[in-house]
Structures are given as structure tokens and as C-alpha cells.
Amino acid sequence: MSNKVNRLAANDRPALNYILFGFCAFIINFLAFSLIENLTLIDWADANLLAWILATVFSYYTNRAYVFRTFHKSFIKELNEMTRFFLGRGVSLIIEQLILWFGFTFCNSSLLLIKLTAQIFAVILNYLISKFLVFKK
């Protein structure tokens, strides 16, 4: 029985690591956004951009090292992968900004609740982009 569990864990390690590090990135993004938006005069759009930068840098290195385990001998290949990662995350940033703008402009809901909703979409989209477009083997 324990051999089955060990094999299952080994086979699903990238997914489990993505969940773990994705959750950490989510917390970084959400906390940074909340702190910046609530404790400074920075507006929600710029607060979201700054939070995105922090979470995306963290995500690149953890996804590369622990989730998809890609290592390159060539700087050009590394730069190519990093560029695809940040461009992909840029797409999800745009979608997240649009969700925040729509929710902030047209909904009578808490900004943090709207941010939580936007983050759910971003996490799913980020995983798909990372798996199929960035860290392809």
C-alpha cells in the first residue's frame, strides 16, 4: 500500500509542488496587494502591478526549480524560457487587471473579494501557460 502511495506522490510531484508554490505565490500576491493598497496612497491598479511583480519573480524561480525542473546550460535558452514565462504571466496580469477594473467599477463588492476572484482565474491560467508554453520538455 505504501509503495502505491509513494509512486502516486512521485508521479504527481509537479502538480503537488505547483499547488504548494502556487499557494505561496498567491499569498505573496494577495498580501502585497492588500498592504500596498491599504497602507499607501497607491491606487489599486498600481498596487496590483507591484504585487504581481513580487509574486511572478517568486513563481518563476520556484516553478523552474521545483515544479517543472528545467535547467539550461545556455544563457539564451534560459532567457528564452524566462521571457516566455513573464510574457505568459503578463497575459494573466492583463486579464486580472480587467477583472479588478470591472469589479471595482461595476460591482458593489469588496476590492479584496474581487482580487480573490481575479486570482483564482490567474492561477488556473498561469498553470496552463507554464505547463504548455513555457516549461515544455
C-alpha atoms as a PDB file:
ATOM      1  CA  MET A   1       0.000   0.000   0.000  1.00  0.00           C
ATOM      2  CA  SER A   2       2.747   2.468   0.918  1.00  0.00           C
ATOM      3  CA  ASN A   3       4.539   1.689  -2.363  1.00  0.00           C
ATOM      4  CA  LYS A   4       1.403   2.735  -4.234  1.00  0.00           C
ATOM      5  CA  VAL A   5       1.229   5.977  -2.261  1.00  0.00           C
ATOM      6  CA  ASN A   6       4.932   6.673  -2.860  1.00  0.00           C
ATOM      7  CA  ARG A   7       4.568   6.033  -6.610  1.00  0.00           C
ATOM      8  CA  LEU A   8       1.482   8.230  -6.782  1.00  0.00           C
ATOM      9  CA  ALA A   9       3.271  11.037  -4.920  1.00  0.00           C
ATOM     10  CA  ALA A  10       6.323  10.707  -7.196  1.00  0.00           C
ATOM     11  CA  ASN A  11       4.176  10.818 -10.335  1.00  0.00           C
ATOM     12  CA  ASP A  12       2.164  13.795  -9.123  1.00  0.00           C
ATOM     13  CA  ARG A  13       5.110  15.686  -7.608  1.00  0.00           C
ATOM     14  CA  PRO A  14       4.987  18.512 -10.189  1.00  0.00           C
ATOM     15  CA  ALA A  15       1.271  19.031  -9.543  1.00  0.00           C
ATOM     16  CA  LEU A  16       1.742  18.893  -5.765  1.00  0.00           C
ATOM     17  CA  ASN A  17       4.679  21.300  -5.964  1.00  0.00           C
ATOM     18  CA  TYR A  18       2.665  23.642  -8.193  1.00  0.00           C
ATOM     19  CA  ILE A  19      -0.141  23.647  -5.643  1.00  0.00           C
ATOM     20  CA  LEU A  20       2.299  24.351  -2.800  1.00  0.00           C
ATOM     21  CA  PHE A  21       4.330  27.056  -4.547  1.00  0.00           C
ATOM     22  CA  GLY A  22       1.258  28.415  -6.338  1.00  0.00           C
ATOM     23  CA  PHE A  23      -0.382  28.871  -2.952  1.00  0.00           C
ATOM     24  CA  CYS A  24       2.740  30.652  -1.684  1.00  0.00           C
ATOM     25  CA  ALA A  25       2.727  32.950  -4.731  1.00  0.00           C
ATOM     26  CA  PHE A  26      -0.987  33.572  -4.197  1.00  0.00           C
ATOM     27  CA  ILE A  27      -0.316  34.581  -0.579  1.00  0.00           C
ATOM     28  CA  ILE A  28       2.571  36.849  -1.634  1.00  0.00           C
ATOM     29  CA  ASN A  29       0.408  38.494  -4.285  1.00  0.00           C
ATOM     30  CA  PHE A  30      -2.681  38.867  -2.103  1.00  0.00           C
ATOM     31  CA  LEU A  31      -0.822  40.151   0.979  1.00  0.00           C
ATOM     32  CA  ALA A  32       1.354  42.544  -1.005  1.00  0.00           C
ATOM     33  CA  PHE A  33      -1.732  43.892  -2.797  1.00  0.00           C
ATOM     34  CA  SER A  34      -3.640  44.307   0.473  1.00  0.00           C
ATOM     35  CA  LEU A  35      -0.761  46.023   2.242  1.00  0.00           C
ATOM     36  CA  ILE A  36       0.143  48.326  -0.627  1.00  0.00           C
ATOM     37  CA  GLU A  37      -3.463  49.229  -1.364  1.00  0.00           C
ATOM     38  CA  ASN A  38      -4.440  49.796   2.272  1.00  0.00           C
ATOM     39  CA  LEU A  39      -1.289  51.349   3.740  1.00  0.00           C
ATOM     40  CA  THR A  40      -0.168  53.648   0.934  1.00  0.00           C
ATOM     41  CA  LEU A  41      -1.686  56.187  -1.401  1.00  0.00           C
ATOM     42  CA  ILE A  42      -1.022  53.892  -4.358  1.00  0.00           C
ATOM     43  CA  ASP A  43      -4.193  53.070  -6.287  1.00  0.00           C
ATOM     44  CA  TRP A  44      -5.477  49.511  -6.744  1.00  0.00           C
ATOM     45  CA  ALA A  45      -4.137  49.104 -10.308  1.00  0.00           C
ATOM     46  CA  ASP A  46      -0.574  50.035  -9.364  1.00  0.00           C
ATOM     47  CA  ALA A  47      -0.819  48.023  -6.129  1.00  0.00           C
ATOM     48  CA  ASN A  48      -1.827  45.007  -8.201  1.00  0.00           C
ATOM     49  CA  LEU A  49       1.086  45.542 -10.586  1.00  0.00           C
ATOM     50  CA  LEU A  50       3.602  45.709  -7.719  1.00  0.00           C
ATOM     51  CA  ALA A  51       2.103  42.612  -6.083  1.00  0.00           C
ATOM     52  CA  TRP A  52       2.236  40.842  -9.453  1.00  0.00           C
ATOM     53  CA  ILE A  53       5.946  41.634  -9.839  1.00  0.00           C
ATOM     54  CA  LEU A  54       6.778  40.173  -6.419  1.00  0.00           C
ATOM     55  CA  ALA A  55       4.703  37.029  -6.942  1.00  0.00           C
ATOM     56  CA  THR A  56       5.894  36.499 -10.516  1.00  0.00           C
ATOM     57  CA  VAL A  57       9.598  36.664  -9.659  1.00  0.00           C
ATOM     58  CA  PHE A  58       8.984  34.175  -6.834  1.00  0.00           C
ATOM     59  CA  SER A  59       6.927  31.968  -9.162  1.00  0.00           C
ATOM     60  CA  TYR A  60       9.497  31.885 -11.940  1.00  0.00           C
ATOM     61  CA  TYR A  61      12.252  30.556  -9.735  1.00  0.00           C
ATOM     62  CA  THR A  62      10.095  28.080  -7.814  1.00  0.00           C
ATOM     63  CA  ASN A  63       8.357  26.797 -10.961  1.00  0.00           C
ATOM     64  CA  ARG A  64      11.665  26.408 -12.754  1.00  0.00           C
ATOM     65  CA  ALA A  65      13.425  24.662  -9.877  1.00  0.00           C
ATOM     66  CA  TYR A  66      10.733  22.674  -8.090  1.00  0.00           C
ATOM     67  CA  VAL A  67       7.719  22.226 -10.360  1.00  0.00           C
ATOM     68  CA  PHE A  68       8.918  21.796 -13.941  1.00  0.00           C
ATOM     69  CA  ARG A  69      12.614  21.265 -13.082  1.00  0.00           C
ATOM     70  CA  THR A  70      14.172  22.922 -16.102  1.00  0.00           C
ATOM     71  CA  PHE A  71      17.845  23.784 -16.153  1.00  0.00           C
ATOM     72  CA  HIS A  72      19.696  25.151 -19.154  1.00  0.00           C
ATOM     73  CA  LYS A  73      23.378  25.170 -19.990  1.00  0.00           C
ATOM     74  CA  SER A  74      22.843  28.027 -22.405  1.00  0.00           C
ATOM     75  CA  PHE A  75      22.034  31.556 -21.230  1.00  0.00           C
ATOM     76  CA  ILE A  76      19.996  32.105 -24.412  1.00  0.00           C
ATOM     77  CA  LYS A  77      17.737  29.124 -23.632  1.00  0.00           C
ATOM     78  CA  GLU A  78      17.336  30.352 -20.065  1.00  0.00           C
ATOM     79  CA  LEU A  79      16.489  33.852 -21.283  1.00  0.00           C
ATOM     80  CA  ASN A  80      14.022  32.424 -23.803  1.00  0.00           C
ATOM     81  CA  GLU A  81      12.243  30.439 -21.076  1.00  0.00           C
ATOM     82  CA  MET A  82      12.201  33.422 -18.721  1.00  0.00           C
ATOM     83  CA  THR A  83      10.813  35.674 -21.460  1.00  0.00           C
ATOM     84  CA  ARG A  84       8.012  33.209 -22.256  1.00  0.00           C
ATOM     85  CA  PHE A  85       7.228  32.937 -18.542  1.00  0.00           C
ATOM     86  CA  PHE A  86       6.963  36.688 -17.982  1.00  0.00           C
ATOM     87  CA  LEU A  87       5.007  37.240 -21.211  1.00  0.00           C
ATOM     88  CA  GLY A  88       2.576  34.498 -20.216  1.00  0.00           C
ATOM     89  CA  ARG A  89       2.192  35.972 -16.762  1.00  0.00           C
ATOM     90  CA  GLY A  90       1.733  39.361 -18.413  1.00  0.00           C
ATOM     91  CA  VAL A  91      -1.304  37.990 -20.230  1.00  0.00           C
ATOM     92  CA  SER A  92      -2.809  36.824 -16.947  1.00  0.00           C
ATOM     93  CA  LEU A  93      -1.947  40.219 -15.392  1.00  0.00           C
ATOM     94  CA  ILE A  94      -3.960  41.977 -18.096  1.00  0.00           C
ATOM     95  CA  ILE A  95      -6.915  39.667 -17.503  1.00  0.00           C
ATOM     96  CA  GLU A  96      -6.608  40.163 -13.748  1.00  0.00           C
ATOM     97  CA  GLN A  97      -6.465  43.954 -14.147  1.00  0.00           C
ATOM     98  CA  LEU A  98      -9.589  43.830 -16.327  1.00  0.00           C
ATOM     99  CA  ILE A  99     -11.439  41.718 -13.742  1.00  0.00           C
ATOM    100  CA  LEU A 100     -10.388  44.140 -10.996  1.00  0.00           C
ATOM    101  CA  TRP A 101     -11.404  47.159 -13.071  1.00  0.00           C
ATOM    102  CA  PHE A 102     -14.766  45.626 -13.944  1.00  0.00           C
ATOM    103  CA  GLY A 103     -15.429  44.543 -10.374  1.00  0.00           C
ATOM    104  CA  PHE A 104     -14.267  47.832  -8.911  1.00  0.00           C
ATOM    105  CA  THR A 105     -16.237  49.901 -11.419  1.00  0.00           C
ATOM    106  CA  PHE A 106     -19.490  47.960 -11.716  1.00  0.00           C
ATOM    107  CA  CYS A 107     -19.876  45.763  -8.633  1.00  0.00           C
ATOM    108  CA  ASN A 108     -20.717  46.746  -5.114  1.00  0.00           C
ATOM    109  CA  SER A 109     -18.283  44.240  -3.711  1.00  0.00           C
ATOM    110  CA  SER A 110     -15.158  44.430  -1.600  1.00  0.00           C
ATOM    111  CA  LEU A 111     -11.980  45.094  -3.547  1.00  0.00           C
ATOM    112  CA  LEU A 112     -10.316  42.170  -1.747  1.00  0.00           C
ATOM    113  CA  LEU A 113     -13.155  39.826  -2.746  1.00  0.00           C
ATOM    114  CA  ILE A 114     -12.771  40.943  -6.348  1.00  0.00           C
ATOM    115  CA  LYS A 115      -8.996  40.421  -6.052  1.00  0.00           C
ATOM    116  CA  LEU A 116      -9.581  36.899  -4.718  1.00  0.00           C
ATOM    117  CA  THR A 117     -11.844  36.108  -7.673  1.00  0.00           C
ATOM    118  CA  ALA A 118      -9.305  37.505 -10.141  1.00  0.00           C
ATOM    119  CA  GLN A 119      -6.521  35.475  -8.510  1.00  0.00           C
ATOM    120  CA  ILE A 120      -8.440  32.227  -8.978  1.00  0.00           C
ATOM    121  CA  PHE A 121      -8.643  32.854 -12.725  1.00  0.00           C
ATOM    122  CA  ALA A 122      -4.977  33.905 -12.827  1.00  0.00           C
ATOM    123  CA  VAL A 123      -3.716  30.801 -11.014  1.00  0.00           C
ATOM    124  CA  ILE A 124      -5.513  28.456 -13.417  1.00  0.00           C
ATOM    125  CA  LEU A 125      -4.384  30.389 -16.488  1.00  0.00           C
ATOM    126  CA  ASN A 126      -0.802  30.626 -15.178  1.00  0.00           C
ATOM    127  CA  TYR A 127      -0.577  26.864 -14.693  1.00  0.00           C
ATOM    128  CA  LEU A 128      -1.805  26.190 -18.232  1.00  0.00           C
ATOM    129  CA  ILE A 129       0.576  28.736 -19.742  1.00  0.00           C
ATOM    130  CA  SER A 130       3.517  27.411 -17.710  1.00  0.00           C
ATOM    131  CA  LYS A 131       2.836  23.765 -18.468  1.00  0.00           C
ATOM    132  CA  PHE A 132       2.143  24.059 -22.190  1.00  0.00           C
ATOM    133  CA  LEU A 133       4.009  27.164 -23.376  1.00  0.00           C
ATOM    134  CA  VAL A 134       6.885  27.927 -21.020  1.00  0.00           C
ATOM    135  CA  PHE A 135       8.368  24.827 -19.396  1.00  0.00           C
ATOM    136  CA  LYS A 136       7.859  22.383 -22.229  1.00  0.00           C
ATOM    137  CA  LYS A 137      10.267  19.498 -22.325  1.00  0.00           C
END
